[in-house]
Amino acid sequence: EVINLLEYSEIYHDVGNKETIFSI
């Protein structure tokens, strides 16, 4: 009923919010 998303995800820390979906 509940799934922790981070357990199945890969993450990228975007310092400064520089990335867009096209660059990422």
PDBML (XML) file of the C-alpha atoms, coordinates in Angstrom:
<?xml version="1.0" encoding="UTF-8" ?>
<PDBx:datablock datablockName="MODEL"
   xmlns:PDBx="http://pdbml.pdb.org/schema/pdbx-v50.xsd"
   xmlns:xsi="http://www.w3.org/2001/XMLSchema-instance"
   xsi:schemaLocation="http://pdbml.pdb.org/schema/pdbx-v50.xsd pdbx-v50.xsd">
   <PDBx:atom_siteCategory>
      <PDBx:atom_site id="1">
         <PDBx:B_iso_or_equiv>0.00</PDBx:B_iso_or_equiv>
         <PDBx:Cartn_x>0.000</PDBx:Cartn_x>
         <PDBx:Cartn_y>0.000</PDBx:Cartn_y>
         <PDBx:Cartn_z>0.000</PDBx:Cartn_z>
         <PDBx:auth_asym_id>A</PDBx:auth_asym_id>
         <PDBx:auth_atom_id>CA</PDBx:auth_atom_id>
         <PDBx:auth_comp_id>GLU</PDBx:auth_comp_id>
         <PDBx:auth_seq_id>1</PDBx:auth_seq_id>
         <PDBx:group_PDB>ATOM</PDBx:group_PDB>
         <PDBx:label_alt_id xsi:nil="true" />
         <PDBx:label_asym_id>A</PDBx:label_asym_id>
         <PDBx:label_atom_id>CA</PDBx:label_atom_id>
         <PDBx:label_comp_id>GLU</PDBx:label_comp_id>
         <PDBx:label_entity_id>1</PDBx:label_entity_id>
         <PDBx:label_seq_id>1</PDBx:label_seq_id>
         <PDBx:occupancy>1.00</PDBx:occupancy>
         <PDBx:pdbx_PDB_model_num>1</PDBx:pdbx_PDB_model_num>
         <PDBx:type_symbol>C</PDBx:type_symbol>
      </PDBx:atom_site>
      <PDBx:atom_site id="2">
         <PDBx:B_iso_or_equiv>0.00</PDBx:B_iso_or_equiv>
         <PDBx:Cartn_x>2.993</PDBx:Cartn_x>
         <PDBx:Cartn_y>2.300</PDBx:Cartn_y>
         <PDBx:Cartn_z>0.601</PDBx:Cartn_z>
         <PDBx:auth_asym_id>A</PDBx:auth_asym_id>
         <PDBx:auth_atom_id>CA</PDBx:auth_atom_id>
         <PDBx:auth_comp_id>VAL</PDBx:auth_comp_id>
         <PDBx:auth_seq_id>2</PDBx:auth_seq_id>
         <PDBx:group_PDB>ATOM</PDBx:group_PDB>
         <PDBx:label_alt_id xsi:nil="true" />
         <PDBx:label_asym_id>A</PDBx:label_asym_id>
         <PDBx:label_atom_id>CA</PDBx:label_atom_id>
         <PDBx:label_comp_id>VAL</PDBx:label_comp_id>
         <PDBx:label_entity_id>1</PDBx:label_entity_id>
         <PDBx:label_seq_id>2</PDBx:label_seq_id>
         <PDBx:occupancy>1.00</PDBx:occupancy>
         <PDBx:pdbx_PDB_model_num>1</PDBx:pdbx_PDB_model_num>
         <PDBx:type_symbol>C</PDBx:type_symbol>
      </PDBx:atom_site>
      <PDBx:atom_site id="3">
         <PDBx:B_iso_or_equiv>0.00</PDBx:B_iso_or_equiv>
         <PDBx:Cartn_x>6.340</PDBx:Cartn_x>
         <PDBx:Cartn_y>2.292</PDBx:Cartn_y>
         <PDBx:Cartn_z>-1.254</PDBx:Cartn_z>
         <PDBx:auth_asym_id>A</PDBx:auth_asym_id>
         <PDBx:auth_atom_id>CA</PDBx:auth_atom_id>
         <PDBx:auth_comp_id>ILE</PDBx:auth_comp_id>
         <PDBx:auth_seq_id>3</PDBx:auth_seq_id>
         <PDBx:group_PDB>ATOM</PDBx:group_PDB>
         <PDBx:label_alt_id xsi:nil="true" />
         <PDBx:label_asym_id>A</PDBx:label_asym_id>
         <PDBx:label_atom_id>CA</PDBx:label_atom_id>
         <PDBx:label_comp_id>ILE</PDBx:label_comp_id>
         <PDBx:label_entity_id>1</PDBx:label_entity_id>
         <PDBx:label_seq_id>3</PDBx:label_seq_id>
         <PDBx:occupancy>1.00</PDBx:occupancy>
         <PDBx:pdbx_PDB_model_num>1</PDBx:pdbx_PDB_model_num>
         <PDBx:type_symbol>C</PDBx:type_symbol>
      </PDBx:atom_site>
      <PDBx:atom_site id="4">
         <PDBx:B_iso_or_equiv>0.00</PDBx:B_iso_or_equiv>
         <PDBx:Cartn_x>9.348</PDBx:Cartn_x>
         <PDBx:Cartn_y>4.380</PDBx:Cartn_y>
         <PDBx:Cartn_z>-0.232</PDBx:Cartn_z>
         <PDBx:auth_asym_id>A</PDBx:auth_asym_id>
         <PDBx:auth_atom_id>CA</PDBx:auth_atom_id>
         <PDBx:auth_comp_id>ASN</PDBx:auth_comp_id>
         <PDBx:auth_seq_id>4</PDBx:auth_seq_id>
         <PDBx:group_PDB>ATOM</PDBx:group_PDB>
         <PDBx:label_alt_id xsi:nil="true" />
         <PDBx:label_asym_id>A</PDBx:label_asym_id>
         <PDBx:label_atom_id>CA</PDBx:label_atom_id>
         <PDBx:label_comp_id>ASN</PDBx:label_comp_id>
         <PDBx:label_entity_id>1</PDBx:label_entity_id>
         <PDBx:label_seq_id>4</PDBx:label_seq_id>
         <PDBx:occupancy>1.00</PDBx:occupancy>
         <PDBx:pdbx_PDB_model_num>1</PDBx:pdbx_PDB_model_num>
         <PDBx:type_symbol>C</PDBx:type_symbol>
      </PDBx:atom_site>
      <PDBx:atom_site id="5">
         <PDBx:B_iso_or_equiv>0.00</PDBx:B_iso_or_equiv>
         <PDBx:Cartn_x>10.444</PDBx:Cartn_x>
         <PDBx:Cartn_y>5.904</PDBx:Cartn_y>
         <PDBx:Cartn_z>-3.534</PDBx:Cartn_z>
         <PDBx:auth_asym_id>A</PDBx:auth_asym_id>
         <PDBx:auth_atom_id>CA</PDBx:auth_atom_id>
         <PDBx:auth_comp_id>LEU</PDBx:auth_comp_id>
         <PDBx:auth_seq_id>5</PDBx:auth_seq_id>
         <PDBx:group_PDB>ATOM</PDBx:group_PDB>
         <PDBx:label_alt_id xsi:nil="true" />
         <PDBx:label_asym_id>A</PDBx:label_asym_id>
         <PDBx:label_atom_id>CA</PDBx:label_atom_id>
         <PDBx:label_comp_id>LEU</PDBx:label_comp_id>
         <PDBx:label_entity_id>1</PDBx:label_entity_id>
         <PDBx:label_seq_id>5</PDBx:label_seq_id>
         <PDBx:occupancy>1.00</PDBx:occupancy>
         <PDBx:pdbx_PDB_model_num>1</PDBx:pdbx_PDB_model_num>
         <PDBx:type_symbol>C</PDBx:type_symbol>
      </PDBx:atom_site>
      <PDBx:atom_site id="6">
         <PDBx:B_iso_or_equiv>0.00</PDBx:B_iso_or_equiv>
         <PDBx:Cartn_x>14.083</PDBx:Cartn_x>
         <PDBx:Cartn_y>6.534</PDBx:Cartn_y>
         <PDBx:Cartn_z>-2.558</PDBx:Cartn_z>
         <PDBx:auth_asym_id>A</PDBx:auth_asym_id>
         <PDBx:auth_atom_id>CA</PDBx:auth_atom_id>
         <PDBx:auth_comp_id>LEU</PDBx:auth_comp_id>
         <PDBx:auth_seq_id>6</PDBx:auth_seq_id>
         <PDBx:group_PDB>ATOM</PDBx:group_PDB>
         <PDBx:label_alt_id xsi:nil="true" />
         <PDBx:label_asym_id>A</PDBx:label_asym_id>
         <PDBx:label_atom_id>CA</PDBx:label_atom_id>
         <PDBx:label_comp_id>LEU</PDBx:label_comp_id>
         <PDBx:label_entity_id>1</PDBx:label_entity_id>
         <PDBx:label_seq_id>6</PDBx:label_seq_id>
         <PDBx:occupancy>1.00</PDBx:occupancy>
         <PDBx:pdbx_PDB_model_num>1</PDBx:pdbx_PDB_model_num>
         <PDBx:type_symbol>C</PDBx:type_symbol>
      </PDBx:atom_site>
      <PDBx:atom_site id="7">
         <PDBx:B_iso_or_equiv>0.00</PDBx:B_iso_or_equiv>
         <PDBx:Cartn_x>14.651</PDBx:Cartn_x>
         <PDBx:Cartn_y>2.811</PDBx:Cartn_y>
         <PDBx:Cartn_z>-2.109</PDBx:Cartn_z>
         <PDBx:auth_asym_id>A</PDBx:auth_asym_id>
         <PDBx:auth_atom_id>CA</PDBx:auth_atom_id>
         <PDBx:auth_comp_id>GLU</PDBx:auth_comp_id>
         <PDBx:auth_seq_id>7</PDBx:auth_seq_id>
         <PDBx:group_PDB>ATOM</PDBx:group_PDB>
         <PDBx:label_alt_id xsi:nil="true" />
         <PDBx:label_asym_id>A</PDBx:label_asym_id>
         <PDBx:label_atom_id>CA</PDBx:label_atom_id>
         <PDBx:label_comp_id>GLU</PDBx:label_comp_id>
         <PDBx:label_entity_id>1</PDBx:label_entity_id>
         <PDBx:label_seq_id>7</PDBx:label_seq_id>
         <PDBx:occupancy>1.00</PDBx:occupancy>
         <PDBx:pdbx_PDB_model_num>1</PDBx:pdbx_PDB_model_num>
         <PDBx:type_symbol>C</PDBx:type_symbol>
      </PDBx:atom_site>
      <PDBx:atom_site id="8">
         <PDBx:B_iso_or_equiv>0.00</PDBx:B_iso_or_equiv>
         <PDBx:Cartn_x>14.140</PDBx:Cartn_x>
         <PDBx:Cartn_y>2.298</PDBx:Cartn_y>
         <PDBx:Cartn_z>-5.844</PDBx:Cartn_z>
         <PDBx:auth_asym_id>A</PDBx:auth_asym_id>
         <PDBx:auth_atom_id>CA</PDBx:auth_atom_id>
         <PDBx:auth_comp_id>TYR</PDBx:auth_comp_id>
         <PDBx:auth_seq_id>8</PDBx:auth_seq_id>
         <PDBx:group_PDB>ATOM</PDBx:group_PDB>
         <PDBx:label_alt_id xsi:nil="true" />
         <PDBx:label_asym_id>A</PDBx:label_asym_id>
         <PDBx:label_atom_id>CA</PDBx:label_atom_id>
         <PDBx:label_comp_id>TYR</PDBx:label_comp_id>
         <PDBx:label_entity_id>1</PDBx:label_entity_id>
         <PDBx:label_seq_id>8</PDBx:label_seq_id>
         <PDBx:occupancy>1.00</PDBx:occupancy>
         <PDBx:pdbx_PDB_model_num>1</PDBx:pdbx_PDB_model_num>
         <PDBx:type_symbol>C</PDBx:type_symbol>
      </PDBx:atom_site>
      <PDBx:atom_site id="9">
         <PDBx:B_iso_or_equiv>0.00</PDBx:B_iso_or_equiv>
         <PDBx:Cartn_x>15.524</PDBx:Cartn_x>
         <PDBx:Cartn_y>5.593</PDBx:Cartn_y>
         <PDBx:Cartn_z>-7.159</PDBx:Cartn_z>
         <PDBx:auth_asym_id>A</PDBx:auth_asym_id>
         <PDBx:auth_atom_id>CA</PDBx:auth_atom_id>
         <PDBx:auth_comp_id>SER</PDBx:auth_comp_id>
         <PDBx:auth_seq_id>9</PDBx:auth_seq_id>
         <PDBx:group_PDB>ATOM</PDBx:group_PDB>
         <PDBx:label_alt_id xsi:nil="true" />
         <PDBx:label_asym_id>A</PDBx:label_asym_id>
         <PDBx:label_atom_id>CA</PDBx:label_atom_id>
         <PDBx:label_comp_id>SER</PDBx:label_comp_id>
         <PDBx:label_entity_id>1</PDBx:label_entity_id>
         <PDBx:label_seq_id>9</PDBx:label_seq_id>
         <PDBx:occupancy>1.00</PDBx:occupancy>
         <PDBx:pdbx_PDB_model_num>1</PDBx:pdbx_PDB_model_num>
         <PDBx:type_symbol>C</PDBx:type_symbol>
      </PDBx:atom_site>
      <PDBx:atom_site id="10">
         <PDBx:B_iso_or_equiv>0.00</PDBx:B_iso_or_equiv>
         <PDBx:Cartn_x>18.771</PDBx:Cartn_x>
         <PDBx:Cartn_y>7.136</PDBx:Cartn_y>
         <PDBx:Cartn_z>-8.247</PDBx:Cartn_z>
         <PDBx:auth_asym_id>A</PDBx:auth_asym_id>
         <PDBx:auth_atom_id>CA</PDBx:auth_atom_id>
         <PDBx:auth_comp_id>GLU</PDBx:auth_comp_id>
         <PDBx:auth_seq_id>10</PDBx:auth_seq_id>
         <PDBx:group_PDB>ATOM</PDBx:group_PDB>
         <PDBx:label_alt_id xsi:nil="true" />
         <PDBx:label_asym_id>A</PDBx:label_asym_id>
         <PDBx:label_atom_id>CA</PDBx:label_atom_id>
         <PDBx:label_comp_id>GLU</PDBx:label_comp_id>
         <PDBx:label_entity_id>1</PDBx:label_entity_id>
         <PDBx:label_seq_id>10</PDBx:label_seq_id>
         <PDBx:occupancy>1.00</PDBx:occupancy>
         <PDBx:pdbx_PDB_model_num>1</PDBx:pdbx_PDB_model_num>
         <PDBx:type_symbol>C</PDBx:type_symbol>
      </PDBx:atom_site>
      <PDBx:atom_site id="11">
         <PDBx:B_iso_or_equiv>0.00</PDBx:B_iso_or_equiv>
         <PDBx:Cartn_x>19.279</PDBx:Cartn_x>
         <PDBx:Cartn_y>10.746</PDBx:Cartn_y>
         <PDBx:Cartn_z>-7.187</PDBx:Cartn_z>
         <PDBx:auth_asym_id>A</PDBx:auth_asym_id>
         <PDBx:auth_atom_id>CA</PDBx:auth_atom_id>
         <PDBx:auth_comp_id>ILE</PDBx:auth_comp_id>
         <PDBx:auth_seq_id>11</PDBx:auth_seq_id>
         <PDBx:group_PDB>ATOM</PDBx:group_PDB>
         <PDBx:label_alt_id xsi:nil="true" />
         <PDBx:label_asym_id>A</PDBx:label_asym_id>
         <PDBx:label_atom_id>CA</PDBx:label_atom_id>
         <PDBx:label_comp_id>ILE</PDBx:label_comp_id>
         <PDBx:label_entity_id>1</PDBx:label_entity_id>
         <PDBx:label_seq_id>11</PDBx:label_seq_id>
         <PDBx:occupancy>1.00</PDBx:occupancy>
         <PDBx:pdbx_PDB_model_num>1</PDBx:pdbx_PDB_model_num>
         <PDBx:type_symbol>C</PDBx:type_symbol>
      </PDBx:atom_site>
      <PDBx:atom_site id="12">
         <PDBx:B_iso_or_equiv>0.00</PDBx:B_iso_or_equiv>
         <PDBx:Cartn_x>21.144</PDBx:Cartn_x>
         <PDBx:Cartn_y>13.835</PDBx:Cartn_y>
         <PDBx:Cartn_z>-8.374</PDBx:Cartn_z>
         <PDBx:auth_asym_id>A</PDBx:auth_asym_id>
         <PDBx:auth_atom_id>CA</PDBx:auth_atom_id>
         <PDBx:auth_comp_id>TYR</PDBx:auth_comp_id>
         <PDBx:auth_seq_id>12</PDBx:auth_seq_id>
         <PDBx:group_PDB>ATOM</PDBx:group_PDB>
         <PDBx:label_alt_id xsi:nil="true" />
         <PDBx:label_asym_id>A</PDBx:label_asym_id>
         <PDBx:label_atom_id>CA</PDBx:label_atom_id>
         <PDBx:label_comp_id>TYR</PDBx:label_comp_id>
         <PDBx:label_entity_id>1</PDBx:label_entity_id>
         <PDBx:label_seq_id>12</PDBx:label_seq_id>
         <PDBx:occupancy>1.00</PDBx:occupancy>
         <PDBx:pdbx_PDB_model_num>1</PDBx:pdbx_PDB_model_num>
         <PDBx:type_symbol>C</PDBx:type_symbol>
      </PDBx:atom_site>
      <PDBx:atom_site id="13">
         <PDBx:B_iso_or_equiv>0.00</PDBx:B_iso_or_equiv>
         <PDBx:Cartn_x>21.707</PDBx:Cartn_x>
         <PDBx:Cartn_y>16.817</PDBx:Cartn_y>
         <PDBx:Cartn_z>-6.059</PDBx:Cartn_z>
         <PDBx:auth_asym_id>A</PDBx:auth_asym_id>
         <PDBx:auth_atom_id>CA</PDBx:auth_atom_id>
         <PDBx:auth_comp_id>HIS</PDBx:auth_comp_id>
         <PDBx:auth_seq_id>13</PDBx:auth_seq_id>
         <PDBx:group_PDB>ATOM</PDBx:group_PDB>
         <PDBx:label_alt_id xsi:nil="true" />
         <PDBx:label_asym_id>A</PDBx:label_asym_id>
         <PDBx:label_atom_id>CA</PDBx:label_atom_id>
         <PDBx:label_comp_id>HIS</PDBx:label_comp_id>
         <PDBx:label_entity_id>1</PDBx:label_entity_id>
         <PDBx:label_seq_id>13</PDBx:label_seq_id>
         <PDBx:occupancy>1.00</PDBx:occupancy>
         <PDBx:pdbx_PDB_model_num>1</PDBx:pdbx_PDB_model_num>
         <PDBx:type_symbol>C</PDBx:type_symbol>
      </PDBx:atom_site>
      <PDBx:atom_site id="14">
         <PDBx:B_iso_or_equiv>0.00</PDBx:B_iso_or_equiv>
         <PDBx:Cartn_x>21.184</PDBx:Cartn_x>
         <PDBx:Cartn_y>19.958</PDBx:Cartn_y>
         <PDBx:Cartn_z>-8.135</PDBx:Cartn_z>
         <PDBx:auth_asym_id>A</PDBx:auth_asym_id>
         <PDBx:auth_atom_id>CA</PDBx:auth_atom_id>
         <PDBx:auth_comp_id>ASP</PDBx:auth_comp_id>
         <PDBx:auth_seq_id>14</PDBx:auth_seq_id>
         <PDBx:group_PDB>ATOM</PDBx:group_PDB>
         <PDBx:label_alt_id xsi:nil="true" />
         <PDBx:label_asym_id>A</PDBx:label_asym_id>
         <PDBx:label_atom_id>CA</PDBx:label_atom_id>
         <PDBx:label_comp_id>ASP</PDBx:label_comp_id>
         <PDBx:label_entity_id>1</PDBx:label_entity_id>
         <PDBx:label_seq_id>14</PDBx:label_seq_id>
         <PDBx:occupancy>1.00</PDBx:occupancy>
         <PDBx:pdbx_PDB_model_num>1</PDBx:pdbx_PDB_model_num>
         <PDBx:type_symbol>C</PDBx:type_symbol>
      </PDBx:atom_site>
      <PDBx:atom_site id="15">
         <PDBx:B_iso_or_equiv>0.00</PDBx:B_iso_or_equiv>
         <PDBx:Cartn_x>22.926</PDBx:Cartn_x>
         <PDBx:Cartn_y>22.738</PDBx:Cartn_y>
         <PDBx:Cartn_z>-6.190</PDBx:Cartn_z>
         <PDBx:auth_asym_id>A</PDBx:auth_asym_id>
         <PDBx:auth_atom_id>CA</PDBx:auth_atom_id>
         <PDBx:auth_comp_id>VAL</PDBx:auth_comp_id>
         <PDBx:auth_seq_id>15</PDBx:auth_seq_id>
         <PDBx:group_PDB>ATOM</PDBx:group_PDB>
         <PDBx:label_alt_id xsi:nil="true" />
         <PDBx:label_asym_id>A</PDBx:label_asym_id>
         <PDBx:label_atom_id>CA</PDBx:label_atom_id>
         <PDBx:label_comp_id>VAL</PDBx:label_comp_id>
         <PDBx:label_entity_id>1</PDBx:label_entity_id>
         <PDBx:label_seq_id>15</PDBx:label_seq_id>
         <PDBx:occupancy>1.00</PDBx:occupancy>
         <PDBx:pdbx_PDB_model_num>1</PDBx:pdbx_PDB_model_num>
         <PDBx:type_symbol>C</PDBx:type_symbol>
      </PDBx:atom_site>
      <PDBx:atom_site id="16">
         <PDBx:B_iso_or_equiv>0.00</PDBx:B_iso_or_equiv>
         <PDBx:Cartn_x>21.730</PDBx:Cartn_x>
         <PDBx:Cartn_y>26.103</PDBx:Cartn_y>
         <PDBx:Cartn_z>-7.474</PDBx:Cartn_z>
         <PDBx:auth_asym_id>A</PDBx:auth_asym_id>
         <PDBx:auth_atom_id>CA</PDBx:auth_atom_id>
         <PDBx:auth_comp_id>GLY</PDBx:auth_comp_id>
         <PDBx:auth_seq_id>16</PDBx:auth_seq_id>
         <PDBx:group_PDB>ATOM</PDBx:group_PDB>
         <PDBx:label_alt_id xsi:nil="true" />
         <PDBx:label_asym_id>A</PDBx:label_asym_id>
         <PDBx:label_atom_id>CA</PDBx:label_atom_id>
         <PDBx:label_comp_id>GLY</PDBx:label_comp_id>
         <PDBx:label_entity_id>1</PDBx:label_entity_id>
         <PDBx:label_seq_id>16</PDBx:label_seq_id>
         <PDBx:occupancy>1.00</PDBx:occupancy>
         <PDBx:pdbx_PDB_model_num>1</PDBx:pdbx_PDB_model_num>
         <PDBx:type_symbol>C</PDBx:type_symbol>
      </PDBx:atom_site>
      <PDBx:atom_site id="17">
         <PDBx:B_iso_or_equiv>0.00</PDBx:B_iso_or_equiv>
         <PDBx:Cartn_x>18.806</PDBx:Cartn_x>
         <PDBx:Cartn_y>24.599</PDBx:Cartn_y>
         <PDBx:Cartn_z>-9.416</PDBx:Cartn_z>
         <PDBx:auth_asym_id>A</PDBx:auth_asym_id>
         <PDBx:auth_atom_id>CA</PDBx:auth_atom_id>
         <PDBx:auth_comp_id>ASN</PDBx:auth_comp_id>
         <PDBx:auth_seq_id>17</PDBx:auth_seq_id>
         <PDBx:group_PDB>ATOM</PDBx:group_PDB>
         <PDBx:label_alt_id xsi:nil="true" />
         <PDBx:label_asym_id>A</PDBx:label_asym_id>
         <PDBx:label_atom_id>CA</PDBx:label_atom_id>
         <PDBx:label_comp_id>ASN</PDBx:label_comp_id>
         <PDBx:label_entity_id>1</PDBx:label_entity_id>
         <PDBx:label_seq_id>17</PDBx:label_seq_id>
         <PDBx:occupancy>1.00</PDBx:occupancy>
         <PDBx:pdbx_PDB_model_num>1</PDBx:pdbx_PDB_model_num>
         <PDBx:type_symbol>C</PDBx:type_symbol>
      </PDBx:atom_site>
      <PDBx:atom_site id="18">
         <PDBx:B_iso_or_equiv>0.00</PDBx:B_iso_or_equiv>
         <PDBx:Cartn_x>20.758</PDBx:Cartn_x>
         <PDBx:Cartn_y>24.834</PDBx:Cartn_y>
         <PDBx:Cartn_z>-12.660</PDBx:Cartn_z>
         <PDBx:auth_asym_id>A</PDBx:auth_asym_id>
         <PDBx:auth_atom_id>CA</PDBx:auth_atom_id>
         <PDBx:auth_comp_id>LYS</PDBx:auth_comp_id>
         <PDBx:auth_seq_id>18</PDBx:auth_seq_id>
         <PDBx:group_PDB>ATOM</PDBx:group_PDB>
         <PDBx:label_alt_id xsi:nil="true" />
         <PDBx:label_asym_id>A</PDBx:label_asym_id>
         <PDBx:label_atom_id>CA</PDBx:label_atom_id>
         <PDBx:label_comp_id>LYS</PDBx:label_comp_id>
         <PDBx:label_entity_id>1</PDBx:label_entity_id>
         <PDBx:label_seq_id>18</PDBx:label_seq_id>
         <PDBx:occupancy>1.00</PDBx:occupancy>
         <PDBx:pdbx_PDB_model_num>1</PDBx:pdbx_PDB_model_num>
         <PDBx:type_symbol>C</PDBx:type_symbol>
      </PDBx:atom_site>
      <PDBx:atom_site id="19">
         <PDBx:B_iso_or_equiv>0.00</PDBx:B_iso_or_equiv>
         <PDBx:Cartn_x>19.408</PDBx:Cartn_x>
         <PDBx:Cartn_y>21.748</PDBx:Cartn_y>
         <PDBx:Cartn_z>-14.414</PDBx:Cartn_z>
         <PDBx:auth_asym_id>A</PDBx:auth_asym_id>
         <PDBx:auth_atom_id>CA</PDBx:auth_atom_id>
         <PDBx:auth_comp_id>GLU</PDBx:auth_comp_id>
         <PDBx:auth_seq_id>19</PDBx:auth_seq_id>
         <PDBx:group_PDB>ATOM</PDBx:group_PDB>
         <PDBx:label_alt_id xsi:nil="true" />
         <PDBx:label_asym_id>A</PDBx:label_asym_id>
         <PDBx:label_atom_id>CA</PDBx:label_atom_id>
         <PDBx:label_comp_id>GLU</PDBx:label_comp_id>
         <PDBx:label_entity_id>1</PDBx:label_entity_id>
         <PDBx:label_seq_id>19</PDBx:label_seq_id>
         <PDBx:occupancy>1.00</PDBx:occupancy>
         <PDBx:pdbx_PDB_model_num>1</PDBx:pdbx_PDB_model_num>
         <PDBx:type_symbol>C</PDBx:type_symbol>
      </PDBx:atom_site>
      <PDBx:atom_site id="20">
         <PDBx:B_iso_or_equiv>0.00</PDBx:B_iso_or_equiv>
         <PDBx:Cartn_x>16.326</PDBx:Cartn_x>
         <PDBx:Cartn_y>21.362</PDBx:Cartn_y>
         <PDBx:Cartn_z>-16.605</PDBx:Cartn_z>
         <PDBx:auth_asym_id>A</PDBx:auth_asym_id>
         <PDBx:auth_atom_id>CA</PDBx:auth_atom_id>
         <PDBx:auth_comp_id>THR</PDBx:auth_comp_id>
         <PDBx:auth_seq_id>20</PDBx:auth_seq_id>
         <PDBx:group_PDB>ATOM</PDBx:group_PDB>
         <PDBx:label_alt_id xsi:nil="true" />
         <PDBx:label_asym_id>A</PDBx:label_asym_id>
         <PDBx:label_atom_id>CA</PDBx:label_atom_id>
         <PDBx:label_comp_id>THR</PDBx:label_comp_id>
         <PDBx:label_entity_id>1</PDBx:label_entity_id>
         <PDBx:label_seq_id>20</PDBx:label_seq_id>
         <PDBx:occupancy>1.00</PDBx:occupancy>
         <PDBx:pdbx_PDB_model_num>1</PDBx:pdbx_PDB_model_num>
         <PDBx:type_symbol>C</PDBx:type_symbol>
      </PDBx:atom_site>
      <PDBx:atom_site id="21">
         <PDBx:B_iso_or_equiv>0.00</PDBx:B_iso_or_equiv>
         <PDBx:Cartn_x>14.709</PDBx:Cartn_x>
         <PDBx:Cartn_y>18.128</PDBx:Cartn_y>
         <PDBx:Cartn_z>-17.694</PDBx:Cartn_z>
         <PDBx:auth_asym_id>A</PDBx:auth_asym_id>
         <PDBx:auth_atom_id>CA</PDBx:auth_atom_id>
         <PDBx:auth_comp_id>ILE</PDBx:auth_comp_id>
         <PDBx:auth_seq_id>21</PDBx:auth_seq_id>
         <PDBx:group_PDB>ATOM</PDBx:group_PDB>
         <PDBx:label_alt_id xsi:nil="true" />
         <PDBx:label_asym_id>A</PDBx:label_asym_id>
         <PDBx:label_atom_id>CA</PDBx:label_atom_id>
         <PDBx:label_comp_id>ILE</PDBx:label_comp_id>
         <PDBx:label_entity_id>1</PDBx:label_entity_id>
         <PDBx:label_seq_id>21</PDBx:label_seq_id>
         <PDBx:occupancy>1.00</PDBx:occupancy>
         <PDBx:pdbx_PDB_model_num>1</PDBx:pdbx_PDB_model_num>
         <PDBx:type_symbol>C</PDBx:type_symbol>
      </PDBx:atom_site>
      <PDBx:atom_site id="22">
         <PDBx:B_iso_or_equiv>0.00</PDBx:B_iso_or_equiv>
         <PDBx:Cartn_x>16.520</PDBx:Cartn_x>
         <PDBx:Cartn_y>18.410</PDBx:Cartn_y>
         <PDBx:Cartn_z>-21.029</PDBx:Cartn_z>
         <PDBx:auth_asym_id>A</PDBx:auth_asym_id>
         <PDBx:auth_atom_id>CA</PDBx:auth_atom_id>
         <PDBx:auth_comp_id>PHE</PDBx:auth_comp_id>
         <PDBx:auth_seq_id>22</PDBx:auth_seq_id>
         <PDBx:group_PDB>ATOM</PDBx:group_PDB>
         <PDBx:label_alt_id xsi:nil="true" />
         <PDBx:label_asym_id>A</PDBx:label_asym_id>
         <PDBx:label_atom_id>CA</PDBx:label_atom_id>
         <PDBx:label_comp_id>PHE</PDBx:label_comp_id>
         <PDBx:label_entity_id>1</PDBx:label_entity_id>
         <PDBx:label_seq_id>22</PDBx:label_seq_id>
         <PDBx:occupancy>1.00</PDBx:occupancy>
         <PDBx:pdbx_PDB_model_num>1</PDBx:pdbx_PDB_model_num>
         <PDBx:type_symbol>C</PDBx:type_symbol>
      </PDBx:atom_site>
      <PDBx:atom_site id="23">
         <PDBx:B_iso_or_equiv>0.00</PDBx:B_iso_or_equiv>
         <PDBx:Cartn_x>19.969</PDBx:Cartn_x>
         <PDBx:Cartn_y>18.865</PDBx:Cartn_y>
         <PDBx:Cartn_z>-19.494</PDBx:Cartn_z>
         <PDBx:auth_asym_id>A</PDBx:auth_asym_id>
         <PDBx:auth_atom_id>CA</PDBx:auth_atom_id>
         <PDBx:auth_comp_id>SER</PDBx:auth_comp_id>
         <PDBx:auth_seq_id>23</PDBx:auth_seq_id>
         <PDBx:group_PDB>ATOM</PDBx:group_PDB>
         <PDBx:label_alt_id xsi:nil="true" />
         <PDBx:label_asym_id>A</PDBx:label_asym_id>
         <PDBx:label_atom_id>CA</PDBx:label_atom_id>
         <PDBx:label_comp_id>SER</PDBx:label_comp_id>
         <PDBx:label_entity_id>1</PDBx:label_entity_id>
         <PDBx:label_seq_id>23</PDBx:label_seq_id>
         <PDBx:occupancy>1.00</PDBx:occupancy>
         <PDBx:pdbx_PDB_model_num>1</PDBx:pdbx_PDB_model_num>
         <PDBx:type_symbol>C</PDBx:type_symbol>
      </PDBx:atom_site>
      <PDBx:atom_site id="24">
         <PDBx:B_iso_or_equiv>0.00</PDBx:B_iso_or_equiv>
         <PDBx:Cartn_x>19.431</PDBx:Cartn_x>
         <PDBx:Cartn_y>16.207</PDBx:Cartn_y>
         <PDBx:Cartn_z>-16.831</PDBx:Cartn_z>
         <PDBx:auth_asym_id>A</PDBx:auth_asym_id>
         <PDBx:auth_atom_id>CA</PDBx:auth_atom_id>
         <PDBx:auth_comp_id>ILE</PDBx:auth_comp_id>
         <PDBx:auth_seq_id>24</PDBx:auth_seq_id>
         <PDBx:group_PDB>ATOM</PDBx:group_PDB>
         <PDBx:label_alt_id xsi:nil="true" />
         <PDBx:label_asym_id>A</PDBx:label_asym_id>
         <PDBx:label_atom_id>CA</PDBx:label_atom_id>
         <PDBx:label_comp_id>ILE</PDBx:label_comp_id>
         <PDBx:label_entity_id>1</PDBx:label_entity_id>
         <PDBx:label_seq_id>24</PDBx:label_seq_id>
         <PDBx:occupancy>1.00</PDBx:occupancy>
         <PDBx:pdbx_PDB_model_num>1</PDBx:pdbx_PDB_model_num>
         <PDBx:type_symbol>C</PDBx:type_symbol>
      </PDBx:atom_site>
   </PDBx:atom_siteCategory>
</PDBx:datablock>
